[in-house]
Amino acid sequence: MGSKFCELLTMLVTWFSFLKDLLIPSNRFSSWVADEACCKWSGVGCQNRTGHVLTLDLRYNSSEVVQGQLRESLLGLPYLRYIDLSLIDFKQMPIPEFIGSLSKLKYLNLSNANLKGTVPDHLGNLSSLQSLDLSGNSFSLKANNLDWLSCLSSLEVLDLGGVDLSSAVNWLDAINIFNSPISNWLVESSHTLRYLSLTRCQFHGSIPDAFVNFTLLAVLDFSYNNLHGSIPHNFGNMTSLVVFDLAFNSLEGSVPAILGLIQELQHIKHSPLRELHLSYNKLNGSLERILPQLSELVVLEVASNSLQGLITEVHLRKFSSLRALDLSKTELILNAGSNWIPSFQLETLGLQSCHMGPKFPQWLQNQKKVLKMDISCASISDTTPNWFWDVSLSMKHLNLAHNKLRGRLPDLSPTASLLTLDLSYNLFSGTLPHYPLKMESPVLAGNAFSGPISPICDLLNVNNALRRLDLSENALSGSLPNCRTYGQNMVFWIWDITCCPAKIPDSIGHLVHLKVWTLAENNFHGDVPNSLRN
């Protein structure tokens, strides 16, 4: 019996072609040798007594690309319980209907597999299925209806992220219709479903009240759709929620009222909620009264809503687990004392357009693990302290634009991790700094940097990572440098040289990826270089 399955698996491996990186040889299927027991092959799991193949875990996460096809020969493995073919490139083939014949399947993962077409109703035949993941297929999958879900009464995990549900006519409305297939599925699955992700599914409508019955649901993700109306106030019944994501919709209402969910959860001694994503909606109100009830959160994101009010260190003192905070594009005022040492260590901080000034926030000195920070347009008018540049060494993205920050910019360590740096429209002065070797986008426009422009080639540190450079609206002088070997990946290059006559260097024509080159209000003279004419 076992040899029969091994023969089928030997056929299976021929369906995949490898586009190999010459420097990184593939070993993903090196254990798939015909004279070896197939149950010992990597990614294959068998039942010990019978030798039946129960598991195929062929997910591929590598710099190499694996391409393949799904063929009916797979039906020769009728005892399969678990199939993971994620991250394999199926070259935009449709999900075959025969998958629905693998009746013993409990786990099916076809995510990020470059599949295309209509999700077959035949998946509804997989009545034992507990986990289904069709996400990440480049918005190429669509579902004309979701009635087939009503047959999956054991489903615990459902991820349809990126599947186009716009043709699943009124499926959200159908949820509220008594005895409709979808409403029946919700009633049944409310006792089993733990993970539901319908992000980027292009559906619209309001959130049905029926979802409040999902008392076991740990993850609810409806982000990046066109949901409108308010969030049902009785979401407080969902007492198992760990991740709650409704970001990038058009939801309305008062934040305190919407977070009645949290008010309910506070009665649970140990609320499991750890991530709250409500950014980019049309919510309003104040966070002052509700913040103490969110102190167990790891992620709090409410950016780009009509939020107002004052937040002090008192509101944040118990947030010891917080790792991501985004209050950007709100009218919130963040007023923390100079002696405040937060109990949290943030990895992501977004406070764009929040009022933080006029003093530079001293509490940032304690934040040693930040990877991304945006405190632009934050009404800060102060000298940037030297310690801040030490803190920035661990960051990958830093935005201080549109404040009134003063001081000389130090040379940034060549080993710093910064990829993007935006210091535009401040009051920084002095000569241009050295950049980290990995820097992709330094934006220094609208400051008071001075001195000759000619050393720019040396400052670039032979930096082939550089893609955008904006030095406009400064007091730089001299001729444009002839940096033939630098900036080969440059896409955007913006500066103005207004004080001195200059020629356009011939090397500009060698920036083969350059799409935008702005030389505003210049005093250039001479001929256009031959390299640009070609």
Protein backbone atom coordinates (compact mmCIF):
# COMPACT_ATOMS: atom_id res chain seq x y z
CA MET A 1 0.00 0.00 0.00
CA GLY A 2 2.74 2.42 0.99
CA SER A 3 4.70 1.90 -2.25
CA LYS A 4 1.63 2.91 -4.26
CA PHE A 5 1.52 6.28 -2.50
CA CYS A 6 5.26 6.71 -2.93
CA GLU A 7 4.85 6.21 -6.66
CA LEU A 8 2.17 8.90 -6.76
CA LEU A 9 4.37 11.28 -4.80
CA THR A 10 7.24 10.64 -7.20
CA MET A 11 4.90 11.83 -9.95
CA LEU A 12 3.93 14.81 -7.82
CA VAL A 13 7.44 16.23 -7.63
CA THR A 14 7.69 16.36 -11.42
CA TRP A 15 4.93 18.99 -11.46
CA PHE A 16 7.27 21.56 -10.03
CA SER A 17 9.97 23.34 -11.98
CA PHE A 18 12.63 25.25 -10.14
CA LEU A 19 13.88 28.63 -11.31
CA LYS A 20 17.15 28.32 -9.46
CA ASP A 21 19.34 31.07 -8.18
CA LEU A 22 22.78 30.04 -9.35
CA LEU A 23 24.30 31.08 -6.04
CA ILE A 24 21.73 29.29 -3.86
CA PRO A 25 21.17 25.68 -4.94
CA SER A 26 17.76 24.24 -4.12
CA ASN A 27 17.50 21.48 -1.54
CA ARG A 28 13.74 21.67 -0.93
CA PHE A 29 13.13 18.22 -2.45
CA SER A 30 16.56 16.69 -1.92
CA SER A 31 15.05 14.01 0.32
CA TRP A 32 12.59 12.92 -2.37
CA VAL A 33 14.58 9.90 -3.59
CA ALA A 34 12.76 7.02 -5.26
CA ASP A 35 14.51 4.26 -3.32
CA GLU A 36 13.80 5.92 0.05
CA ALA A 37 10.59 5.42 2.05
CA CYS A 38 8.32 8.28 1.01
CA CYS A 39 7.13 8.78 4.58
CA LYS A 40 10.63 10.05 5.35
CA TRP A 41 10.50 12.68 2.64
CA SER A 42 10.50 16.31 3.71
CA GLY A 43 6.97 17.66 3.89
CA VAL A 44 5.29 14.25 3.84
CA GLY A 45 3.49 12.81 6.85
CA CYS A 46 2.09 9.28 7.02
CA GLN A 47 0.02 7.17 9.35
CA ASN A 48 2.42 4.76 11.03
CA ARG A 49 0.25 1.65 10.84
CA THR A 50 -1.07 1.86 7.26
CA GLY A 51 1.46 4.10 5.54
CA HIS A 52 -1.36 6.29 4.24
CA VAL A 53 -0.15 9.76 3.32
CA LEU A 54 -1.95 12.22 5.60
CA THR A 55 0.11 15.39 5.19
CA LEU A 56 1.60 17.31 2.25
CA ASP A 57 3.41 20.41 3.48
CA LEU A 58 5.15 21.85 0.42
CA ARG A 59 4.97 25.54 1.33
CA TYR A 60 7.93 27.36 -0.12
CA ASN A 61 9.54 30.39 1.45
CA SER A 62 12.81 31.09 -0.27
CA SER A 63 14.54 33.47 -2.66
CA GLU A 64 14.04 30.78 -5.28
CA VAL A 65 10.78 30.44 -7.17
CA VAL A 66 8.92 27.15 -7.39
CA GLN A 67 6.33 26.82 -10.12
CA GLY A 68 3.82 24.05 -10.55
CA GLN A 69 0.38 22.79 -11.46
CA LEU A 70 -2.43 21.12 -9.58
CA ARG A 71 -3.45 17.86 -11.26
CA GLU A 72 -6.05 15.21 -10.59
CA SER A 73 -3.31 12.69 -9.76
CA LEU A 74 -3.55 14.25 -6.30
CA LEU A 75 -6.78 12.29 -5.86
CA GLY A 76 -4.59 9.19 -5.63
CA LEU A 77 -3.92 10.32 -2.05
CA PRO A 78 -7.48 10.00 -0.71
CA TYR A 79 -6.51 9.99 2.97
CA LEU A 80 -4.96 13.45 2.93
CA ARG A 81 -5.89 15.51 5.98
CA TYR A 82 -3.48 18.41 5.52
CA ILE A 83 -2.37 20.24 2.35
CA ASP A 84 -0.16 23.34 2.39
CA LEU A 85 0.90 24.59 -1.06
CA SER A 86 1.35 28.22 -0.06
CA LEU A 87 3.99 30.40 -1.73
CA ILE A 88 4.22 28.10 -4.76
CA ASP A 89 3.66 29.83 -8.11
CA PHE A 90 0.78 28.11 -9.90
CA LYS A 91 1.03 30.55 -12.81
CA GLN A 92 -2.50 31.91 -12.43
CA MET A 93 -4.24 28.60 -12.90
CA PRO A 94 -7.71 28.29 -11.31
CA ILE A 95 -8.40 26.30 -8.17
CA PRO A 96 -9.45 22.94 -9.65
CA GLU A 97 -12.86 21.58 -8.76
CA PHE A 98 -11.41 18.16 -7.92
CA ILE A 99 -9.96 19.61 -4.69
CA GLY A 100 -13.51 19.31 -3.37
CA SER A 101 -13.24 15.51 -3.70
CA LEU A 102 -10.55 15.22 -1.01
CA SER A 103 -13.28 14.62 1.53
CA LYS A 104 -11.03 13.93 4.51
CA LEU A 105 -9.22 17.27 4.33
CA LYS A 106 -9.11 19.27 7.55
CA TYR A 107 -6.51 21.86 6.51
CA LEU A 108 -6.10 23.54 3.10
CA ASN A 109 -3.67 26.40 2.50
CA LEU A 110 -3.41 27.84 -1.02
CA SER A 111 -2.31 31.32 0.05
CA ASN A 112 0.14 33.46 -1.96
CA ALA A 113 0.10 30.84 -4.71
CA ASN A 114 -0.64 33.01 -7.77
CA LEU A 115 -4.04 31.43 -8.40
CA LYS A 116 -6.70 33.04 -10.57
CA GLY A 117 -10.37 32.63 -11.36
CA THR A 118 -13.52 31.79 -9.45
CA VAL A 119 -13.39 29.97 -6.13
CA PRO A 120 -15.24 26.72 -6.87
CA ASP A 121 -18.39 25.91 -4.94
CA HIS A 122 -17.02 22.36 -4.73
CA LEU A 123 -14.97 23.45 -1.71
CA GLY A 124 -18.25 23.13 0.13
CA ASN A 125 -17.86 19.35 -0.19
CA LEU A 126 -14.96 19.45 2.29
CA SER A 127 -17.30 18.98 5.23
CA SER A 128 -14.46 18.08 7.63
CA LEU A 129 -12.45 21.21 6.82
CA GLN A 130 -11.26 23.14 9.87
CA SER A 131 -8.90 25.64 8.23
CA LEU A 132 -9.12 27.30 4.79
CA ASP A 133 -6.66 29.95 3.59
CA LEU A 134 -6.98 31.42 0.09
CA SER A 135 -5.41 34.81 0.91
CA GLY A 136 -2.70 36.73 -0.90
CA ASN A 137 -3.40 35.67 -4.47
CA SER A 138 -2.84 39.15 -5.91
CA PHE A 139 -6.56 39.96 -6.04
CA SER A 140 -6.94 37.43 -8.88
CA LEU A 141 -9.42 35.17 -7.12
CA LYS A 142 -13.11 36.00 -6.91
CA ALA A 143 -16.18 34.40 -5.38
CA ASN A 144 -19.59 34.75 -7.02
CA ASN A 145 -21.25 33.59 -3.82
CA LEU A 146 -20.37 32.20 -0.43
CA ASP A 147 -23.26 29.79 -0.06
CA TRP A 148 -20.82 26.87 -0.08
CA LEU A 149 -19.54 28.02 3.30
CA SER A 150 -22.79 26.77 4.82
CA CYS A 151 -21.51 23.20 4.37
CA LEU A 152 -18.30 23.81 6.34
CA SER A 153 -19.75 23.45 9.81
CA SER A 154 -16.40 22.51 11.41
CA LEU A 155 -14.47 25.53 10.14
CA GLU A 156 -12.26 27.23 12.74
CA VAL A 157 -10.02 29.34 10.47
CA LEU A 158 -11.21 31.20 7.35
CA ASP A 159 -8.89 33.59 5.51
CA LEU A 160 -10.17 34.99 2.21
CA GLY A 161 -7.92 38.06 2.27
CA GLY A 162 -7.71 39.59 -1.20
CA VAL A 163 -10.46 37.43 -2.70
CA ASP A 164 -12.84 39.66 -4.67
CA LEU A 165 -16.24 39.36 -2.99
CA SER A 166 -17.80 42.27 -4.86
CA SER A 167 -19.77 39.81 -7.02
CA ALA A 168 -21.05 37.88 -4.01
CA VAL A 169 -24.21 39.95 -4.28
CA ASN A 170 -25.50 41.28 -0.98
CA TRP A 171 -23.86 38.51 0.98
CA LEU A 172 -23.57 40.77 4.01
CA ASP A 173 -27.28 41.52 3.79
CA ALA A 174 -28.02 37.84 3.32
CA ILE A 175 -26.45 37.16 6.69
CA ASN A 176 -29.41 38.85 8.34
CA ILE A 177 -31.98 36.87 6.33
CA PHE A 178 -33.39 34.05 8.41
CA ASN A 179 -32.61 30.62 6.95
CA SER A 180 -30.36 31.97 4.19
CA PRO A 181 -27.32 29.73 3.52
CA ILE A 182 -24.95 32.34 4.91
CA SER A 183 -26.98 33.08 8.03
CA ASN A 184 -27.27 29.35 8.68
CA TRP A 185 -23.51 29.01 8.29
CA LEU A 186 -22.94 31.84 10.75
CA VAL A 187 -25.22 30.21 13.29
CA GLU A 188 -23.36 26.92 12.97
CA SER A 189 -19.84 28.34 12.76
CA SER A 190 -20.38 30.75 15.64
CA HIS A 191 -19.65 27.76 17.85
CA THR A 192 -16.40 26.85 16.05
CA LEU A 193 -14.88 29.81 14.16
CA ARG A 194 -11.80 31.30 15.81
CA TYR A 195 -10.13 33.20 12.96
CA LEU A 196 -11.95 35.23 10.28
CA SER A 197 -10.08 37.43 7.81
CA LEU A 198 -11.90 39.13 4.94
CA THR A 199 -9.36 41.92 4.40
CA ARG A 200 -9.17 43.58 0.96
CA CYS A 201 -12.22 41.70 -0.34
CA GLN A 202 -13.80 44.72 -2.08
CA PHE A 203 -17.14 44.33 -0.34
CA HIS A 204 -19.32 47.08 1.03
CA GLY A 205 -22.20 47.40 3.43
CA SER A 206 -22.67 47.48 7.17
CA ILE A 207 -21.45 44.98 9.75
CA PRO A 208 -24.24 42.51 10.53
CA ASP A 209 -25.35 42.09 14.12
CA ALA A 210 -25.03 38.32 13.63
CA PHE A 211 -21.26 38.54 14.14
CA VAL A 212 -21.69 39.30 17.81
CA ASN A 213 -22.57 35.65 18.40
CA PHE A 214 -19.01 34.54 17.61
CA THR A 215 -17.98 34.12 21.21
CA LEU A 216 -14.93 31.99 20.33
CA LEU A 217 -13.59 34.33 17.64
CA ALA A 218 -10.00 35.39 18.42
CA VAL A 219 -9.17 37.24 15.19
CA LEU A 220 -11.61 39.43 13.24
CA ASP A 221 -10.13 41.29 10.26
CA PHE A 222 -12.40 43.28 7.92
CA SER A 223 -9.75 45.89 7.03
CA TYR A 224 -9.39 47.59 3.63
CA ASN A 225 -12.99 47.29 2.47
CA ASN A 226 -15.83 49.79 2.17
CA LEU A 227 -17.79 49.09 5.32
CA HIS A 228 -19.97 51.95 6.48
CA GLY A 229 -22.35 52.68 9.29
CA SER A 230 -21.49 51.97 12.90
CA ILE A 231 -19.96 49.03 14.69
CA PRO A 232 -22.65 47.04 16.53
CA HIS A 233 -22.60 48.06 20.18
CA ASN A 234 -23.10 44.50 21.37
CA PHE A 235 -19.68 43.46 20.08
CA GLY A 236 -18.92 43.15 23.76
CA ASN A 237 -20.25 39.60 23.49
CA MET A 238 -17.10 38.66 21.56
CA THR A 239 -15.11 38.07 24.70
CA SER A 240 -12.40 35.92 23.07
CA LEU A 241 -11.13 38.60 20.66
CA VAL A 242 -7.35 39.00 20.52
CA VAL A 243 -7.10 40.94 17.23
CA PHE A 244 -9.82 43.39 16.15
CA ASP A 245 -9.08 45.04 12.77
CA LEU A 246 -11.55 47.32 11.00
CA ALA A 247 -8.97 49.76 9.59
CA PHE A 248 -9.37 51.46 6.20
CA ASN A 249 -13.14 51.49 5.95
CA SER A 250 -15.75 54.25 6.23
CA LEU A 251 -17.13 53.42 9.66
CA GLU A 252 -18.71 56.20 11.68
CA GLY A 253 -19.62 56.88 15.25
CA SER A 254 -18.13 57.87 18.57
CA VAL A 255 -15.02 56.01 19.66
CA PRO A 256 -16.18 55.61 23.28
CA ALA A 257 -19.50 54.20 22.08
CA ILE A 258 -17.85 51.87 19.58
CA LEU A 259 -15.43 50.70 22.20
CA GLY A 260 -18.33 49.50 24.25
CA LEU A 261 -16.62 46.30 23.21
CA ILE A 262 -13.75 47.23 25.49
CA GLN A 263 -16.07 48.38 28.23
CA GLU A 264 -17.60 44.92 28.22
CA LEU A 265 -14.23 43.20 28.09
CA GLN A 266 -12.99 45.12 31.13
CA HIS A 267 -15.36 43.03 33.24
CA ILE A 268 -13.31 39.99 32.29
CA LYS A 269 -10.45 39.69 34.72
CA HIS A 270 -7.94 38.96 31.98
CA SER A 271 -9.19 40.38 28.69
CA PRO A 272 -7.44 38.69 25.75
CA LEU A 273 -7.64 41.72 23.43
CA ARG A 274 -4.12 42.69 22.31
CA GLU A 275 -4.48 44.44 18.94
CA LEU A 276 -6.95 47.19 18.07
CA HIS A 277 -6.83 48.58 14.53
CA LEU A 278 -9.36 51.32 13.72
CA SER A 279 -7.23 53.66 11.57
CA TYR A 280 -8.60 55.45 8.50
CA ASN A 281 -12.28 55.53 9.29
CA LYS A 282 -14.66 58.38 10.14
CA LEU A 283 -14.73 57.91 13.89
CA ASN A 284 -14.91 60.79 16.33
CA GLY A 285 -14.71 61.56 20.02
CA SER A 286 -12.04 61.47 22.70
CA LEU A 287 -9.77 58.71 23.98
CA GLU A 288 -9.23 60.13 27.46
CA ARG A 289 -11.81 58.05 29.29
CA ILE A 290 -11.40 54.88 27.25
CA LEU A 291 -7.56 54.62 27.31
CA PRO A 292 -7.27 53.14 30.83
CA GLN A 293 -9.42 50.23 29.63
CA LEU A 294 -6.96 49.49 26.81
CA SER A 295 -3.82 49.13 28.91
CA GLU A 296 -3.23 45.47 27.98
CA LEU A 297 -2.91 46.29 24.30
CA VAL A 298 0.21 45.50 22.28
CA VAL A 299 -1.02 47.42 19.22
CA LEU A 300 -3.20 50.56 19.32
CA GLU A 301 -3.85 52.16 15.94
CA VAL A 302 -6.55 54.81 15.53
CA ALA A 303 -4.88 57.12 12.98
CA SER A 304 -6.77 59.34 10.55
CA ASN A 305 -9.99 59.71 12.51
CA SER A 306 -11.64 62.85 13.91
CA LEU A 307 -10.29 62.32 17.41
CA GLN A 308 -9.74 65.16 19.86
CA GLY A 309 -8.61 65.63 23.43
CA LEU A 310 -5.57 65.61 25.69
CA ILE A 311 -3.43 62.54 26.39
CA THR A 312 -0.86 62.63 29.21
CA GLU A 313 1.49 60.12 30.77
CA VAL A 314 -1.26 59.32 33.27
CA HIS A 315 -3.33 57.77 30.49
CA LEU A 316 -0.40 55.64 29.26
CA ARG A 317 1.32 54.65 32.50
CA LYS A 318 -0.03 51.07 32.54
CA PHE A 319 0.67 50.26 28.89
CA SER A 320 3.68 48.07 29.66
CA SER A 321 3.07 45.70 26.71
CA LEU A 322 2.57 48.36 24.04
CA ARG A 323 4.72 47.85 20.93
CA ALA A 324 2.88 49.88 18.27
CA LEU A 325 1.12 53.22 18.79
CA ASP A 326 -0.39 55.20 15.92
CA LEU A 327 -2.41 58.33 16.65
CA SER A 328 -1.39 60.09 13.42
CA LYS A 329 -3.59 62.53 11.53
CA THR A 330 -5.83 63.27 14.48
CA GLU A 331 -6.27 66.41 16.57
CA LEU A 332 -5.01 64.77 19.72
CA ILE A 333 -2.63 66.62 22.04
CA LEU A 334 0.11 64.51 23.63
CA ASN A 335 1.48 66.27 26.68
CA ALA A 336 4.01 64.25 28.68
CA GLY A 337 6.27 65.58 31.41
CA SER A 338 10.03 65.80 30.86
CA ASN A 339 10.69 63.24 33.61
CA TRP A 340 8.32 60.60 32.28
CA ILE A 341 9.91 57.21 31.56
CA PRO A 342 7.37 55.01 29.73
CA SER A 343 6.97 51.41 30.85
CA PHE A 344 6.71 50.29 27.21
CA GLN A 345 9.28 49.86 24.45
CA LEU A 346 7.75 50.79 21.12
CA GLU A 347 8.70 49.34 17.75
CA THR A 348 6.36 51.58 15.73
CA LEU A 349 5.38 55.14 16.66
CA GLY A 350 3.07 57.31 14.56
CA LEU A 351 2.20 60.76 15.92
CA GLN A 352 2.01 62.76 12.70
CA SER A 353 -0.09 65.92 13.18
CA CYS A 354 -0.50 65.30 16.91
CA HIS A 355 0.42 68.34 18.98
CA MET A 356 3.55 67.36 20.95
CA GLY A 357 5.51 70.60 21.21
CA PRO A 358 6.89 73.02 21.57
CA LYS A 359 9.65 71.13 23.41
CA PHE A 360 11.27 68.04 21.91
CA PRO A 361 9.68 65.00 23.67
CA GLN A 362 12.23 63.80 26.23
CA TRP A 363 10.49 60.46 26.77
CA LEU A 364 11.72 59.29 23.36
CA GLN A 365 15.18 58.92 24.90
CA ASN A 366 13.91 55.77 26.57
CA GLN A 367 12.68 54.19 23.32
CA LYS A 368 15.58 52.01 22.18
CA LYS A 369 13.74 49.55 19.92
CA VAL A 370 11.82 51.81 17.54
CA LEU A 371 12.01 50.70 13.90
CA LYS A 372 9.60 53.25 12.44
CA MET A 373 8.91 56.72 13.83
CA ASP A 374 6.81 59.53 12.38
CA ILE A 375 6.50 62.70 14.46
CA SER A 376 6.10 65.07 11.52
CA CYS A 377 3.82 68.12 11.74
CA ALA A 378 3.88 67.79 15.53
CA SER A 379 4.35 71.50 16.44
CA ILE A 380 7.86 70.91 17.84
CA SER A 381 10.05 74.01 17.95
CA ASP A 382 13.33 73.09 19.61
CA THR A 383 16.92 72.01 19.12
CA THR A 384 17.16 68.32 18.34
CA PRO A 385 19.07 66.76 21.26
CA ASN A 386 22.24 64.79 20.50
CA TRP A 387 20.89 61.70 22.25
CA PHE A 388 18.12 61.43 19.67
CA TRP A 389 20.56 60.59 16.89
CA ASP A 390 21.89 57.74 19.04
CA VAL A 391 18.33 56.47 19.52
CA SER A 392 17.77 56.64 15.75
CA LEU A 393 20.53 54.12 15.03
CA SER A 394 18.10 51.22 15.33
CA MET A 395 15.40 52.83 13.15
CA LYS A 396 14.64 51.96 9.55
CA HIS A 397 12.23 54.83 8.87
CA LEU A 398 12.32 58.28 10.48
CA ASN A 399 10.13 61.28 9.65
CA LEU A 400 10.61 64.61 11.45
CA ALA A 401 9.30 66.80 8.62
CA HIS A 402 7.36 70.05 8.99
CA ASN A 403 8.42 71.05 12.48
CA LYS A 404 10.78 73.83 13.57
CA LEU A 405 13.71 71.66 14.59
CA ARG A 406 17.10 73.33 14.78
CA GLY A 407 20.69 72.25 14.96
CA ARG A 408 23.45 70.72 12.89
CA LEU A 409 22.89 67.24 11.59
CA PRO A 410 25.71 64.91 12.67
CA ASP A 411 27.30 62.39 10.36
CA LEU A 412 25.09 59.33 10.64
CA SER A 413 26.87 56.08 11.39
CA PRO A 414 27.57 54.02 8.24
CA THR A 415 26.23 51.01 10.15
CA ALA A 416 22.92 52.68 11.04
CA SER A 417 19.81 50.88 9.79
CA LEU A 418 18.02 53.94 8.36
CA LEU A 419 16.44 53.35 4.96
CA THR A 420 14.29 56.48 4.75
CA LEU A 421 14.92 59.84 6.44
CA ASP A 422 12.66 62.87 6.04
CA LEU A 423 13.87 66.06 7.72
CA SER A 424 12.21 68.41 5.25
CA TYR A 425 10.93 71.86 6.17
CA ASN A 426 12.72 72.38 9.44
CA LEU A 427 15.57 74.71 10.43
CA PHE A 428 18.53 72.31 10.25
CA SER A 429 21.79 73.97 9.22
CA GLY A 430 25.44 73.20 8.53
CA THR A 431 26.97 71.06 5.83
CA LEU A 432 25.44 67.92 4.38
CA PRO A 433 25.94 64.86 6.57
CA HIS A 434 27.26 61.44 5.68
CA TYR A 435 24.51 58.89 5.19
CA PRO A 436 24.27 55.27 6.33
CA LEU A 437 25.26 52.79 3.65
CA LYS A 438 21.72 51.37 3.41
CA MET A 439 20.00 54.72 2.98
CA GLU A 440 17.41 54.74 0.17
CA SER A 441 15.66 58.07 0.58
CA PRO A 442 17.12 61.13 2.36
CA VAL A 443 14.76 64.12 2.05
CA LEU A 444 16.40 67.29 3.37
CA ALA A 445 14.42 69.93 1.46
CA GLY A 446 13.41 73.24 2.99
CA ASN A 447 16.18 73.66 5.57
CA ALA A 448 19.25 75.87 5.89
CA PHE A 449 21.97 73.43 4.83
CA SER A 450 24.88 75.32 3.28
CA GLY A 451 28.28 74.79 1.74
CA PRO A 452 29.38 73.40 -1.61
CA ILE A 453 27.39 70.71 -3.36
CA SER A 454 30.53 69.16 -4.89
CA PRO A 455 31.29 66.72 -2.03
CA ILE A 456 27.96 64.97 -2.59
CA CYS A 457 29.68 62.05 -4.35
CA ASP A 458 31.81 61.35 -1.30
CA LEU A 459 28.83 61.75 1.00
CA LEU A 460 26.95 59.10 -0.93
CA ASN A 461 29.53 56.52 0.15
CA VAL A 462 29.23 54.68 -3.16
CA ASN A 463 25.63 54.11 -2.10
CA ASN A 464 23.90 52.04 -4.75
CA ALA A 465 20.83 51.75 -2.51
CA LEU A 466 19.96 55.42 -2.96
CA ARG A 467 16.64 55.86 -4.82
CA ARG A 468 15.50 59.34 -3.86
CA LEU A 469 17.46 62.47 -2.98
CA ASP A 470 15.80 65.83 -2.30
CA LEU A 471 18.08 68.74 -1.42
CA SER A 472 15.86 71.54 -2.74
CA GLU A 473 15.23 74.83 -0.94
CA ASN A 474 18.54 74.95 0.92
CA ALA A 475 21.55 77.27 0.64
CA LEU A 476 23.88 74.85 -1.15
CA SER A 477 26.32 76.22 -3.71
CA GLY A 478 28.59 75.16 -6.51
CA SER A 479 28.28 72.97 -9.59
CA LEU A 480 26.44 69.70 -9.84
CA PRO A 481 28.91 66.87 -9.19
CA ASN A 482 29.80 64.34 -11.87
CA CYS A 483 28.93 61.18 -9.90
CA ARG A 484 29.01 58.66 -12.71
CA THR A 485 29.41 55.61 -10.47
CA TYR A 486 27.01 56.62 -7.73
CA GLY A 487 23.27 56.52 -7.36
CA GLN A 488 22.73 54.04 -10.18
CA ASN A 489 19.30 53.11 -8.75
CA MET A 490 18.16 56.72 -8.36
CA VAL A 491 14.48 57.23 -9.25
CA PHE A 492 13.75 60.72 -7.83
CA TRP A 493 16.42 63.45 -7.72
CA ILE A 494 15.32 66.94 -6.66
CA TRP A 495 17.48 69.95 -5.89
CA ASP A 496 17.95 73.55 -6.86
CA ILE A 497 21.22 75.41 -7.26
CA THR A 498 20.39 79.08 -7.44
CA CYS A 499 23.48 80.96 -6.40
CA CYS A 500 26.07 79.95 -8.96
CA PRO A 501 26.14 79.26 -12.71
CA ALA A 502 26.57 75.57 -13.45
CA LYS A 503 26.60 72.97 -16.18
CA ILE A 504 24.59 69.77 -16.19
CA PRO A 505 27.07 66.92 -15.66
CA ASP A 506 27.30 64.23 -18.32
CA SER A 507 26.89 61.48 -15.70
CA ILE A 508 23.18 62.34 -15.26
CA GLY A 509 22.41 60.35 -18.38
CA HIS A 510 23.84 57.22 -16.77
CA LEU A 511 21.17 57.15 -14.06
CA VAL A 512 19.16 54.64 -16.06
CA HIS A 513 16.32 54.29 -13.50
CA LEU A 514 15.78 58.03 -13.06
CA LYS A 515 12.09 58.94 -13.50
CA VAL A 516 11.88 62.37 -11.86
CA TRP A 517 14.68 64.93 -11.98
CA THR A 518 13.79 68.44 -10.84
CA LEU A 519 16.29 71.29 -11.04
CA ALA A 520 14.09 74.25 -10.15
CA GLU A 521 15.06 77.93 -10.43
CA ASN A 522 18.56 77.17 -11.68
CA ASN A 523 21.28 79.12 -13.46
CA PHE A 524 22.39 76.34 -15.79
CA HIS A 525 24.23 77.16 -18.96
CA GLY A 526 25.82 75.25 -21.79
CA ASP A 527 24.62 72.34 -23.88
CA VAL A 528 22.47 69.44 -22.82
CA PRO A 529 24.86 66.50 -22.25
CA ASN A 530 25.01 63.84 -24.96
CA SER A 531 24.10 61.20 -22.38
CA LEU A 532 20.66 62.83 -21.99
CA ARG A 533 20.09 63.05 -25.72
CA ASN A 534 20.33 59.28 -26.05
